[in-house]
Amino acid sequence: MTHLLLTATVTPSEQNSSREPGWETAMAKDILGEAGLHFDELNKLRVLDPEVTQQTIELKEECKDFVDKIGQFQKIVGGLIELVDQLAKEAENEKMKAIGARNLLKSIAKQREAQQQQLQALIAEKKMQLERNSISLVILI
């Protein structure tokens, strides 16, 4: 760690009373400023320039606002994702219902075809029986 020792030598000719009051303070501030040290509004010694400190505070506030906005954005996006997931589940359920209904219709169609074939076989059998009965009637007459 380095220590900075500030010394100022004032010659008798420089001790003129016609100088402005506080010139020593201004000179000390200049010397400290060159060394990278500054006084804040409360006259506390700071390493950072007050302007840089103010910019840092403003940047910190802007970052906080940005983080808050990002948080709000994440909440909105999270809600949107939940909504889309819910809609996807509902769409999948409706798709399954539609597939089930289509399969049921195919099944009913096959049952009707089978029933139609049974009825046609029954009609053919009844026609043959009618023909036999007609022949039997003709023979009996």
Protein backbone atom coordinates (compact mmCIF):
# COMPACT_ATOMS: atom_id res chain seq x y z
CA MET A 1 0.00 0.00 0.00
CA THR A 2 1.43 3.36 -0.92
CA HIS A 3 0.93 6.43 1.16
CA LEU A 4 0.66 9.81 -0.37
CA LEU A 5 2.13 12.70 1.54
CA LEU A 6 1.07 16.09 0.34
CA THR A 7 3.25 18.98 1.18
CA ALA A 8 3.17 22.51 0.00
CA THR A 9 5.89 25.00 0.48
CA VAL A 10 4.85 28.60 0.62
CA THR A 11 7.45 31.30 0.19
CA PRO A 12 7.06 34.62 1.94
CA SER A 13 6.31 36.30 -1.38
CA GLU A 14 3.42 33.86 -1.91
CA GLN A 15 1.88 34.79 1.41
CA ASN A 16 0.39 37.87 -0.12
CA SER A 17 -2.86 38.91 1.51
CA SER A 18 -4.31 39.90 -1.86
CA ARG A 19 -5.05 36.22 -2.74
CA GLU A 20 -8.60 34.97 -2.75
CA PRO A 21 -9.86 33.24 0.38
CA GLY A 22 -9.80 29.45 0.12
CA TRP A 23 -7.05 29.30 -2.48
CA GLU A 24 -5.25 26.75 -0.30
CA THR A 25 -8.31 24.50 -0.41
CA ALA A 26 -8.60 24.83 -4.16
CA MET A 27 -4.93 24.07 -4.58
CA ALA A 28 -5.23 21.02 -2.30
CA LYS A 29 -8.26 19.82 -4.28
CA ASP A 30 -6.30 20.19 -7.52
CA ILE A 31 -3.35 18.24 -6.13
CA LEU A 32 -5.67 15.53 -4.76
CA GLY A 33 -7.57 15.45 -8.06
CA GLU A 34 -4.34 14.80 -9.92
CA ALA A 35 -3.66 11.93 -7.50
CA GLY A 36 -7.12 10.46 -8.20
CA LEU A 37 -8.74 11.58 -4.96
CA HIS A 38 -11.80 13.80 -4.81
CA PHE A 39 -14.07 15.46 -2.28
CA ASP A 40 -17.81 14.73 -2.38
CA GLU A 41 -20.65 17.10 -1.49
CA LEU A 42 -20.11 16.34 2.21
CA ASN A 43 -16.38 17.09 1.86
CA LYS A 44 -15.50 13.45 2.39
CA LEU A 45 -12.46 12.17 0.56
CA ARG A 46 -13.40 9.74 -2.23
CA VAL A 47 -11.39 7.69 -4.69
CA LEU A 48 -13.91 8.13 -7.50
CA ASP A 49 -14.70 11.37 -9.20
CA PRO A 50 -18.14 12.63 -8.06
CA GLU A 51 -19.34 12.64 -11.67
CA VAL A 52 -18.31 9.00 -12.10
CA THR A 53 -20.01 8.17 -8.80
CA GLN A 54 -23.23 9.85 -9.99
CA GLN A 55 -23.06 7.98 -13.30
CA THR A 56 -22.52 4.73 -11.39
CA ILE A 57 -25.59 5.40 -9.24
CA GLU A 58 -27.67 6.20 -12.33
CA LEU A 59 -26.44 3.04 -14.04
CA LYS A 60 -27.30 1.01 -10.94
CA GLU A 61 -30.84 2.44 -10.97
CA GLU A 62 -31.21 1.75 -14.69
CA CYS A 63 -29.98 -1.82 -14.14
CA LYS A 64 -32.52 -2.29 -11.35
CA ASP A 65 -35.30 -1.00 -13.63
CA PHE A 66 -34.06 -3.33 -16.38
CA VAL A 67 -34.02 -6.32 -14.04
CA ASP A 68 -37.55 -5.45 -12.87
CA LYS A 69 -38.75 -5.24 -16.48
CA ILE A 70 -37.06 -8.55 -17.29
CA GLY A 71 -38.84 -10.09 -14.29
CA GLN A 72 -42.18 -8.76 -15.53
CA PHE A 73 -41.40 -10.06 -19.01
CA GLN A 74 -40.58 -13.50 -17.60
CA LYS A 75 -43.89 -13.55 -15.71
CA ILE A 76 -45.79 -12.62 -18.89
CA VAL A 77 -43.92 -15.22 -20.94
CA GLY A 78 -44.48 -17.83 -18.21
CA GLY A 79 -48.21 -17.11 -18.31
CA LEU A 80 -48.20 -17.34 -22.09
CA ILE A 81 -46.37 -20.67 -22.00
CA GLU A 82 -48.88 -22.04 -19.48
CA LEU A 83 -51.74 -20.88 -21.70
CA VAL A 84 -50.20 -22.44 -24.81
CA ASP A 85 -49.59 -25.71 -22.91
CA GLN A 86 -53.19 -25.75 -21.75
CA LEU A 87 -54.43 -25.11 -25.31
CA ALA A 88 -52.16 -27.87 -26.61
CA LYS A 89 -53.61 -30.32 -24.07
CA GLU A 90 -57.15 -29.32 -25.03
CA ALA A 91 -56.31 -29.70 -28.73
CA GLU A 92 -54.82 -33.15 -28.05
CA ASN A 93 -57.98 -34.17 -26.15
CA GLU A 94 -60.19 -32.99 -29.01
CA LYS A 95 -57.96 -34.82 -31.49
CA MET A 96 -58.36 -38.05 -29.49
CA LYS A 97 -62.13 -37.55 -29.37
CA ALA A 98 -62.21 -37.04 -33.14
CA ILE A 99 -60.12 -40.18 -33.72
CA GLY A 100 -62.43 -42.13 -31.41
CA ALA A 101 -65.51 -40.84 -33.24
CA ARG A 102 -63.99 -41.75 -36.64
CA ASN A 103 -63.14 -45.25 -35.41
CA LEU A 104 -66.69 -45.63 -34.06
CA LEU A 105 -68.14 -44.60 -37.43
CA LYS A 106 -65.91 -47.14 -39.20
CA SER A 107 -67.01 -49.79 -36.74
CA ILE A 108 -70.69 -48.95 -37.26
CA ALA A 109 -70.20 -49.06 -41.05
CA LYS A 110 -68.61 -52.53 -40.80
CA GLN A 111 -71.42 -53.71 -38.54
CA ARG A 112 -73.99 -52.50 -41.08
CA GLU A 113 -72.17 -54.27 -43.90
CA ALA A 114 -72.11 -57.50 -41.87
CA GLN A 115 -75.78 -57.09 -41.00
CA GLN A 116 -76.61 -56.41 -44.67
CA GLN A 117 -74.77 -59.57 -45.72
CA GLN A 118 -76.68 -61.58 -43.08
CA LEU A 119 -79.98 -60.17 -44.30
CA GLN A 120 -79.08 -60.94 -47.95
CA ALA A 121 -78.18 -64.51 -46.95
CA LEU A 122 -81.50 -64.76 -45.10
CA ILE A 123 -83.36 -63.39 -48.15
CA ALA A 124 -81.60 -65.95 -50.39
CA GLU A 125 -82.52 -68.73 -47.95
CA LYS A 126 -86.15 -67.57 -47.81
CA LYS A 127 -86.27 -67.39 -51.63
CA MET A 128 -85.02 -70.98 -51.84
CA GLN A 129 -87.58 -72.04 -49.27
CA LEU A 130 -90.29 -70.19 -51.22
CA GLU A 131 -89.19 -71.95 -54.39
CA ARG A 132 -89.30 -75.37 -52.71
CA ASN A 133 -92.71 -74.57 -51.26
CA SER A 134 -93.92 -73.42 -54.67
CA ILE A 135 -92.69 -76.67 -56.24
CA SER A 136 -94.30 -78.65 -53.45
CA LEU A 137 -97.55 -76.78 -54.02
CA VAL A 138 -97.44 -77.41 -57.76
CA ILE A 139 -96.84 -81.12 -57.10
CA LEU A 140 -99.71 -81.26 -54.67
CA ILE A 141 -102.11 -79.58 -57.01
